[in-house]
Amino acid sequence: MKIFFLLFIFSFLSCTKIYHVADVQNRNHRIEKASFPVDVEVASIIEPYKLKLEETMNVVIGFNEVEMTKGKPQSSLTNWFADALLDETQKLVSDPIDFAVQNYGGIRVPVFAKGEITVNEIYELMPFDNLMFVLELKGETVQLLFDKMAESGGWPVSRNVYFEIAYGKAKNIKIKGFPLDLNKIYNAAIPDYVASGGDNAVFLTDSKSHNTGALIRDMLINNIKESHAKGLNIKADLSPRIIE
């Protein structure tokens, strides 16, 4: 009986088909927009919303006094960006904010042109829906953060911070003019992406944090609008922050 059963299984397996990929060929097919007819009915529904969106995005909210560029270890665009985050975050919390940081890759344009600033340009500058967090960082964690920034050649950091890059590490760190105190707690404004460990900043995840609920993009827009309402143009503070 066992022999019969084994012969049955063997015959079954020997008849089972096994498929192999014999050949693969790929082709590129170009799809032209003009090759598809326009759905007039759908287009007529979308058009009012499209016009309203364009009207909103093209609103002028301020004026940029001098062309700003993105660069490392610091630059006009990264300095202005981080300073705006510092100022706007301070308006949302009662405790003093010691400094603000933005990851370098989060700024998505290399140049911010001189002239009128529209809402659309801020969306291009910061297209992500990142929220602003306030982290309570031990001095030793601040050292790790600045070492990470130094290792990368520099990130956008606000005024109140100064350090030098030496062999990929942050040296001679000063915050608000005072040497970094490893035993002190510092309040730092940091995007949720970085606060949650993004850009290999996993050492931040154990720190106490507060979600302000404010989108970084909206904070930039508000900062520019308020300056404009006061008759002021935006301009970068070029004071030394990160020295290589």
C-alpha atoms as a PDB file:
ATOM      1  CA  MET A   1       0.000   0.000   0.000  1.00  0.00           C
ATOM      2  CA  LYS A   2       2.808   2.374   0.898  1.00  0.00           C
ATOM      3  CA  ILE A   3       4.622   1.581  -2.347  1.00  0.00           C
ATOM      4  CA  PHE A   4       1.447   2.325  -4.330  1.00  0.00           C
ATOM      5  CA  PHE A   5       1.021   5.633  -2.521  1.00  0.00           C
ATOM      6  CA  LEU A   6       4.612   6.683  -3.189  1.00  0.00           C
ATOM      7  CA  LEU A   7       4.329   5.773  -6.855  1.00  0.00           C
ATOM      8  CA  PHE A   8       1.160   7.851  -7.092  1.00  0.00           C
ATOM      9  CA  ILE A   9       2.840  10.911  -5.549  1.00  0.00           C
ATOM     10  CA  PHE A  10       5.882  10.536  -7.795  1.00  0.00           C
ATOM     11  CA  SER A  11       3.758  10.278 -10.930  1.00  0.00           C
ATOM     12  CA  PHE A  12       1.777  13.340  -9.870  1.00  0.00           C
ATOM     13  CA  LEU A  13       4.879  15.431  -9.275  1.00  0.00           C
ATOM     14  CA  SER A  14       6.480  14.325 -12.506  1.00  0.00           C
ATOM     15  CA  CYS A  15       3.463  15.609 -14.417  1.00  0.00           C
ATOM     16  CA  THR A  16       3.388  19.000 -12.671  1.00  0.00           C
ATOM     17  CA  LYS A  17       4.232  21.844 -15.041  1.00  0.00           C
ATOM     18  CA  ILE A  18       7.038  24.177 -14.058  1.00  0.00           C
ATOM     19  CA  TYR A  19       7.148  27.558 -15.769  1.00  0.00           C
ATOM     20  CA  HIS A  20      10.351  29.485 -16.457  1.00  0.00           C
ATOM     21  CA  VAL A  21      10.818  32.982 -17.873  1.00  0.00           C
ATOM     22  CA  ALA A  22      12.341  32.391 -21.289  1.00  0.00           C
ATOM     23  CA  ASP A  23      12.744  35.968 -22.393  1.00  0.00           C
ATOM     24  CA  VAL A  24      11.911  39.521 -21.372  1.00  0.00           C
ATOM     25  CA  GLN A  25      11.502  42.416 -23.756  1.00  0.00           C
ATOM     26  CA  ASN A  26      10.691  45.998 -22.830  1.00  0.00           C
ATOM     27  CA  ARG A  27       9.329  48.801 -24.949  1.00  0.00           C
ATOM     28  CA  ASN A  28       8.815  52.481 -24.260  1.00  0.00           C
ATOM     29  CA  HIS A  29       5.518  53.939 -25.384  1.00  0.00           C
ATOM     30  CA  ARG A  30       5.296  57.730 -25.519  1.00  0.00           C
ATOM     31  CA  ILE A  31       1.889  59.032 -24.530  1.00  0.00           C
ATOM     32  CA  GLU A  32       1.114  62.440 -25.919  1.00  0.00           C
ATOM     33  CA  LYS A  33      -1.357  64.652 -24.142  1.00  0.00           C
ATOM     34  CA  ALA A  34      -2.852  65.664 -27.482  1.00  0.00           C
ATOM     35  CA  SER A  35      -3.667  62.021 -28.275  1.00  0.00           C
ATOM     36  CA  PHE A  36      -6.509  62.054 -25.743  1.00  0.00           C
ATOM     37  CA  PRO A  37      -9.690  64.058 -26.303  1.00  0.00           C
ATOM     38  CA  VAL A  38     -10.565  66.693 -23.710  1.00  0.00           C
ATOM     39  CA  ASP A  39     -13.595  65.831 -21.608  1.00  0.00           C
ATOM     40  CA  VAL A  40     -15.414  69.147 -21.882  1.00  0.00           C
ATOM     41  CA  GLU A  41     -17.877  68.326 -19.127  1.00  0.00           C
ATOM     42  CA  VAL A  42     -15.157  67.423 -16.611  1.00  0.00           C
ATOM     43  CA  ALA A  43     -13.029  70.401 -17.675  1.00  0.00           C
ATOM     44  CA  SER A  44     -15.953  72.766 -17.101  1.00  0.00           C
ATOM     45  CA  ILE A  45     -16.362  71.399 -13.551  1.00  0.00           C
ATOM     46  CA  ILE A  46     -12.665  71.750 -12.740  1.00  0.00           C
ATOM     47  CA  GLU A  47     -12.098  75.169 -14.322  1.00  0.00           C
ATOM     48  CA  PRO A  48     -13.633  77.344 -11.538  1.00  0.00           C
ATOM     49  CA  TYR A  49     -11.539  75.556  -8.901  1.00  0.00           C
ATOM     50  CA  LYS A  50      -8.436  75.825 -11.073  1.00  0.00           C
ATOM     51  CA  LEU A  51      -8.925  79.560 -11.481  1.00  0.00           C
ATOM     52  CA  LYS A  52      -9.557  80.005  -7.749  1.00  0.00           C
ATOM     53  CA  LEU A  53      -6.393  78.042  -6.907  1.00  0.00           C
ATOM     54  CA  GLU A  54      -4.300  80.073  -9.338  1.00  0.00           C
ATOM     55  CA  GLU A  55      -5.721  83.276  -7.886  1.00  0.00           C
ATOM     56  CA  THR A  56      -4.750  82.190  -4.351  1.00  0.00           C
ATOM     57  CA  MET A  57      -1.290  80.933  -5.293  1.00  0.00           C
ATOM     58  CA  ASN A  58      -0.391  84.070  -7.240  1.00  0.00           C
ATOM     59  CA  VAL A  59      -1.133  86.472  -4.378  1.00  0.00           C
ATOM     60  CA  VAL A  60       1.876  88.664  -3.590  1.00  0.00           C
ATOM     61  CA  ILE A  61       2.681  88.452   0.132  1.00  0.00           C
ATOM     62  CA  GLY A  62       5.979  90.315   0.353  1.00  0.00           C
ATOM     63  CA  PHE A  63       9.190  91.446  -1.280  1.00  0.00           C
ATOM     64  CA  ASN A  64      12.639  89.895  -1.241  1.00  0.00           C
ATOM     65  CA  GLU A  65      15.270  92.604  -1.066  1.00  0.00           C
ATOM     66  CA  VAL A  66      18.258  90.608  -2.360  1.00  0.00           C
ATOM     67  CA  GLU A  67      18.502  87.289  -4.192  1.00  0.00           C
ATOM     68  CA  MET A  68      19.150  84.506  -1.669  1.00  0.00           C
ATOM     69  CA  THR A  69      20.960  81.262  -2.424  1.00  0.00           C
ATOM     70  CA  LYS A  70      21.114  77.878  -0.705  1.00  0.00           C
ATOM     71  CA  GLY A  71      24.508  76.580   0.350  1.00  0.00           C
ATOM     72  CA  LYS A  72      26.720  75.024   3.020  1.00  0.00           C
ATOM     73  CA  PRO A  73      27.923  75.438   5.713  1.00  0.00           C
ATOM     74  CA  GLN A  74      25.610  78.465   5.821  1.00  0.00           C
ATOM     75  CA  SER A  75      24.043  80.762   3.251  1.00  0.00           C
ATOM     76  CA  SER A  76      21.663  83.662   2.848  1.00  0.00           C
ATOM     77  CA  LEU A  77      18.647  81.435   2.098  1.00  0.00           C
ATOM     78  CA  THR A  78      19.294  78.903   4.865  1.00  0.00           C
ATOM     79  CA  ASN A  79      19.940  81.677   7.412  1.00  0.00           C
ATOM     80  CA  TRP A  80      16.732  83.512   6.549  1.00  0.00           C
ATOM     81  CA  PHE A  81      14.704  80.282   6.564  1.00  0.00           C
ATOM     82  CA  ALA A  82      15.925  79.203  10.012  1.00  0.00           C
ATOM     83  CA  ASP A  83      15.517  82.697  11.483  1.00  0.00           C
ATOM     84  CA  ALA A  84      11.923  82.845  10.253  1.00  0.00           C
ATOM     85  CA  LEU A  85      11.222  79.516  11.973  1.00  0.00           C
ATOM     86  CA  LEU A  86      12.780  80.780  15.200  1.00  0.00           C
ATOM     87  CA  ASP A  87      10.681  83.955  15.187  1.00  0.00           C
ATOM     88  CA  GLU A  88       7.425  82.209  14.297  1.00  0.00           C
ATOM     89  CA  THR A  89       7.886  79.360  16.779  1.00  0.00           C
ATOM     90  CA  GLN A  90       8.531  81.835  19.591  1.00  0.00           C
ATOM     91  CA  LYS A  91       5.102  83.351  18.918  1.00  0.00           C
ATOM     92  CA  LEU A  92       3.481  79.961  19.562  1.00  0.00           C
ATOM     93  CA  VAL A  93       5.061  79.066  22.902  1.00  0.00           C
ATOM     94  CA  SER A  94       5.730  80.876  26.158  1.00  0.00           C
ATOM     95  CA  ASP A  95       9.140  79.377  26.986  1.00  0.00           C
ATOM     96  CA  PRO A  96      12.157  80.971  25.268  1.00  0.00           C
ATOM     97  CA  ILE A  97      13.313  79.134  22.146  1.00  0.00           C
ATOM     98  CA  ASP A  98      17.091  78.851  22.079  1.00  0.00           C
ATOM     99  CA  PHE A  99      17.473  78.058  18.392  1.00  0.00           C
ATOM    100  CA  ALA A 100      15.781  76.626  15.305  1.00  0.00           C
ATOM    101  CA  VAL A 101      17.035  73.995  12.875  1.00  0.00           C
ATOM    102  CA  GLN A 102      15.859  72.918   9.425  1.00  0.00           C
ATOM    103  CA  ASN A 103      17.252  69.918   7.568  1.00  0.00           C
ATOM    104  CA  TYR A 104      19.128  70.964   4.432  1.00  0.00           C
ATOM    105  CA  GLY A 105      17.130  68.756   2.070  1.00  0.00           C
ATOM    106  CA  GLY A 106      13.864  70.256   3.285  1.00  0.00           C
ATOM    107  CA  ILE A 107      14.594  73.502   1.435  1.00  0.00           C
ATOM    108  CA  ARG A 108      13.682  72.606  -2.119  1.00  0.00           C
ATOM    109  CA  VAL A 109      14.948  75.500  -4.245  1.00  0.00           C
ATOM    110  CA  PRO A 110      18.569  76.557  -4.801  1.00  0.00           C
ATOM    111  CA  VAL A 111      17.758  80.225  -5.364  1.00  0.00           C
ATOM    112  CA  PHE A 112      15.089  82.569  -3.997  1.00  0.00           C
ATOM    113  CA  ALA A 113      14.864  85.421  -6.480  1.00  0.00           C
ATOM    114  CA  LYS A 114      14.869  89.100  -5.670  1.00  0.00           C
ATOM    115  CA  GLY A 115      11.478  90.762  -6.073  1.00  0.00           C
ATOM    116  CA  GLU A 116       7.859  90.049  -5.246  1.00  0.00           C
ATOM    117  CA  ILE A 117       7.099  86.873  -3.310  1.00  0.00           C
ATOM    118  CA  THR A 118       3.965  84.882  -4.063  1.00  0.00           C
ATOM    119  CA  VAL A 119       2.312  82.073  -2.112  1.00  0.00           C
ATOM    120  CA  ASN A 120       3.234  79.715  -4.945  1.00  0.00           C
ATOM    121  CA  GLU A 121       6.938  80.461  -4.453  1.00  0.00           C
ATOM    122  CA  ILE A 122       6.718  79.456  -0.795  1.00  0.00           C
ATOM    123  CA  TYR A 123       5.062  76.180  -1.802  1.00  0.00           C
ATOM    124  CA  GLU A 124       7.976  75.575  -4.163  1.00  0.00           C
ATOM    125  CA  LEU A 125      10.438  76.450  -1.414  1.00  0.00           C
ATOM    126  CA  MET A 126       8.708  74.179   1.117  1.00  0.00           C
ATOM    127  CA  PRO A 127       6.316  71.711  -0.578  1.00  0.00           C
ATOM    128  CA  PHE A 128       6.068  69.310   2.378  1.00  0.00           C
ATOM    129  CA  ASP A 129       3.408  69.395   5.092  1.00  0.00           C
ATOM    130  CA  ASN A 130       5.996  69.326   7.864  1.00  0.00           C
ATOM    131  CA  LEU A 131       4.921  70.485  11.322  1.00  0.00           C
ATOM    132  CA  MET A 132       7.020  72.423  13.786  1.00  0.00           C
ATOM    133  CA  PHE A 133       7.966  70.685  17.029  1.00  0.00           C
ATOM    134  CA  VAL A 134       9.684  72.124  20.074  1.00  0.00           C
ATOM    135  CA  LEU A 135      12.145  69.695  21.653  1.00  0.00           C
ATOM    136  CA  GLU A 136      13.707  69.865  25.098  1.00  0.00           C
ATOM    137  CA  LEU A 137      17.279  68.808  24.385  1.00  0.00           C
ATOM    138  CA  LYS A 138      19.975  67.965  26.882  1.00  0.00           C
ATOM    139  CA  GLY A 139      23.274  69.665  26.151  1.00  0.00           C
ATOM    140  CA  GLU A 140      24.796  66.321  25.179  1.00  0.00           C
ATOM    141  CA  THR A 141      21.989  65.782  22.654  1.00  0.00           C
ATOM    142  CA  VAL A 142      22.607  69.243  21.205  1.00  0.00           C
ATOM    143  CA  GLN A 143      26.222  68.185  20.735  1.00  0.00           C
ATOM    144  CA  LEU A 144      25.064  65.088  18.831  1.00  0.00           C
ATOM    145  CA  LEU A 145      22.743  67.208  16.673  1.00  0.00           C
ATOM    146  CA  PHE A 146      25.442  69.723  15.794  1.00  0.00           C
ATOM    147  CA  ASP A 147      27.901  66.886  15.133  1.00  0.00           C
ATOM    148  CA  LYS A 148      25.353  65.463  12.702  1.00  0.00           C
ATOM    149  CA  MET A 149      25.049  68.851  11.038  1.00  0.00           C
ATOM    150  CA  ALA A 150      28.840  69.220  10.875  1.00  0.00           C
ATOM    151  CA  GLU A 151      29.208  65.744   9.393  1.00  0.00           C
ATOM    152  CA  SER A 152      26.829  66.788   6.607  1.00  0.00           C
ATOM    153  CA  GLY A 153      28.693  70.029   5.928  1.00  0.00           C
ATOM    154  CA  GLY A 154      26.133  72.229   7.666  1.00  0.00           C
ATOM    155  CA  TRP A 155      22.357  72.559   8.013  1.00  0.00           C
ATOM    156  CA  PRO A 156      20.193  75.678   8.190  1.00  0.00           C
ATOM    157  CA  VAL A 157      20.409  76.970  11.756  1.00  0.00           C
ATOM    158  CA  SER A 158      19.098  80.171  13.285  1.00  0.00           C
ATOM    159  CA  ARG A 159      20.911  83.036  14.913  1.00  0.00           C
ATOM    160  CA  ASN A 160      21.940  82.393  18.540  1.00  0.00           C
ATOM    161  CA  VAL A 161      24.063  79.468  17.337  1.00  0.00           C
ATOM    162  CA  TYR A 162      27.735  79.405  16.489  1.00  0.00           C
ATOM    163  CA  PHE A 163      30.081  76.480  15.987  1.00  0.00           C
ATOM    164  CA  GLU A 164      33.068  75.439  13.935  1.00  0.00           C
ATOM    165  CA  ILE A 165      33.428  72.284  11.846  1.00  0.00           C
ATOM    166  CA  ALA A 166      36.639  70.370  12.518  1.00  0.00           C
ATOM    167  CA  TYR A 167      37.121  66.863  11.105  1.00  0.00           C
ATOM    168  CA  GLY A 168      33.372  66.376  10.734  1.00  0.00           C
ATOM    169  CA  LYS A 169      32.557  67.402  14.316  1.00  0.00           C
ATOM    170  CA  ALA A 170      31.106  70.551  15.886  1.00  0.00           C
ATOM    171  CA  LYS A 171      33.656  72.423  17.985  1.00  0.00           C
ATOM    172  CA  ASN A 172      33.580  75.630  20.051  1.00  0.00           C
ATOM    173  CA  ILE A 173      29.780  75.546  20.223  1.00  0.00           C
ATOM    174  CA  LYS A 174      28.060  78.657  21.552  1.00  0.00           C
ATOM    175  CA  ILE A 175      24.354  79.242  22.074  1.00  0.00           C
ATOM    176  CA  LYS A 176      23.225  82.793  22.715  1.00  0.00           C
ATOM    177  CA  GLY A 177      26.883  83.703  23.148  1.00  0.00           C
ATOM    178  CA  PHE A 178      27.573  81.116  25.865  1.00  0.00           C
ATOM    179  CA  PRO A 179      29.513  77.857  25.527  1.00  0.00           C
ATOM    180  CA  LEU A 180      27.352  74.745  25.232  1.00  0.00           C
ATOM    181  CA  ASP A 181      26.488  73.392  28.689  1.00  0.00           C
ATOM    182  CA  LEU A 182      26.143  69.599  28.518  1.00  0.00           C
ATOM    183  CA  ASN A 183      24.007  69.612  31.677  1.00  0.00           C
ATOM    184  CA  LYS A 184      21.552  72.276  30.534  1.00  0.00           C
ATOM    185  CA  ILE A 185      18.187  71.777  28.788  1.00  0.00           C
ATOM    186  CA  TYR A 186      17.747  73.747  25.552  1.00  0.00           C
ATOM    187  CA  ASN A 187      14.473  74.429  23.728  1.00  0.00           C
ATOM    188  CA  ALA A 188      14.911  73.829  20.006  1.00  0.00           C
ATOM    189  CA  ALA A 189      12.450  74.389  17.158  1.00  0.00           C
ATOM    190  CA  ILE A 190      12.821  71.374  14.871  1.00  0.00           C
ATOM    191  CA  PRO A 191      10.613  70.013  12.028  1.00  0.00           C
ATOM    192  CA  ASP A 192       8.645  66.862  12.841  1.00  0.00           C
ATOM    193  CA  TYR A 193      10.559  64.930  10.165  1.00  0.00           C
ATOM    194  CA  VAL A 194      13.872  65.466  11.967  1.00  0.00           C
ATOM    195  CA  ALA A 195      12.333  65.273  15.459  1.00  0.00           C
ATOM    196  CA  SER A 196      11.037  61.789  14.639  1.00  0.00           C
ATOM    197  CA  GLY A 197      14.501  60.586  13.614  1.00  0.00           C
ATOM    198  CA  GLY A 198      14.618  61.591   9.943  1.00  0.00           C
ATOM    199  CA  ASP A 199      17.979  62.294   8.284  1.00  0.00           C
ATOM    200  CA  ASN A 200      19.531  59.800  10.728  1.00  0.00           C
ATOM    201  CA  ALA A 201      18.725  61.967  13.743  1.00  0.00           C
ATOM    202  CA  VAL A 202      17.345  59.001  15.728  1.00  0.00           C
ATOM    203  CA  PHE A 203      19.030  60.326  18.886  1.00  0.00           C
ATOM    204  CA  LEU A 204      16.319  63.015  19.052  1.00  0.00           C
ATOM    205  CA  THR A 205      13.438  60.584  19.494  1.00  0.00           C
ATOM    206  CA  ASP A 206      13.986  60.167  23.243  1.00  0.00           C
ATOM    207  CA  SER A 207      13.706  63.905  23.918  1.00  0.00           C
ATOM    208  CA  LYS A 208      10.549  65.475  25.307  1.00  0.00           C
ATOM    209  CA  SER A 209       8.672  67.193  22.475  1.00  0.00           C
ATOM    210  CA  HIS A 210       5.719  69.477  21.882  1.00  0.00           C
ATOM    211  CA  ASN A 211       3.818  69.644  18.602  1.00  0.00           C
ATOM    212  CA  THR A 212       2.930  73.265  17.895  1.00  0.00           C
ATOM    213  CA  GLY A 213       0.459  72.169  15.212  1.00  0.00           C
ATOM    214  CA  ALA A 214       1.853  74.769  12.821  1.00  0.00           C
ATOM    215  CA  LEU A 215       2.924  73.881   9.301  1.00  0.00           C
ATOM    216  CA  ILE A 216       6.385  75.173   8.517  1.00  0.00           C
ATOM    217  CA  ARG A 217       5.189  76.446   5.153  1.00  0.00           C
ATOM    218  CA  ASP A 218       2.442  78.489   6.844  1.00  0.00           C
ATOM    219  CA  MET A 219       4.965  79.863   9.317  1.00  0.00           C
ATOM    220  CA  LEU A 220       7.090  81.172   6.447  1.00  0.00           C
ATOM    221  CA  ILE A 221       4.051  82.730   4.777  1.00  0.00           C
ATOM    222  CA  ASN A 222       2.974  84.407   8.015  1.00  0.00           C
ATOM    223  CA  ASN A 223       6.485  85.721   8.621  1.00  0.00           C
ATOM    224  CA  ILE A 224       6.654  87.322   5.180  1.00  0.00           C
ATOM    225  CA  LYS A 225       3.135  88.754   5.437  1.00  0.00           C
ATOM    226  CA  GLU A 226       3.828  90.356   8.807  1.00  0.00           C
ATOM    227  CA  SER A 227       7.053  91.915   7.540  1.00  0.00           C
ATOM    228  CA  HIS A 228       5.210  93.238   4.501  1.00  0.00           C
ATOM    229  CA  ALA A 229       2.445  94.706   6.685  1.00  0.00           C
ATOM    230  CA  LYS A 230       5.139  96.625   8.587  1.00  0.00           C
ATOM    231  CA  GLY A 231       6.575  97.936   5.337  1.00  0.00           C
ATOM    232  CA  LEU A 232       9.635  95.702   5.620  1.00  0.00           C
ATOM    233  CA  ASN A 233      11.266  93.514   2.971  1.00  0.00           C
ATOM    234  CA  ILE A 234      12.731  90.155   3.894  1.00  0.00           C
ATOM    235  CA  LYS A 235      16.501  90.007   4.080  1.00  0.00           C
ATOM    236  CA  ALA A 236      18.961  87.430   5.366  1.00  0.00           C
ATOM    237  CA  ASP A 237      21.051  87.932   8.484  1.00  0.00           C
ATOM    238  CA  LEU A 238      24.552  86.872   7.420  1.00  0.00           C
ATOM    239  CA  SER A 239      26.101  86.782  10.880  1.00  0.00           C
ATOM    240  CA  PRO A 240      28.499  83.815  11.319  1.00  0.00           C
ATOM    241  CA  ARG A 241      26.823  80.607  12.479  1.00  0.00           C
ATOM    242  CA  ILE A 242      28.687  77.624  11.109  1.00  0.00           C
ATOM    243  CA  ILE A 243      32.332  78.096  10.212  1.00  0.00           C
ATOM    244  CA  GLU A 244      34.211  75.459   8.263  1.00  0.00           C
END
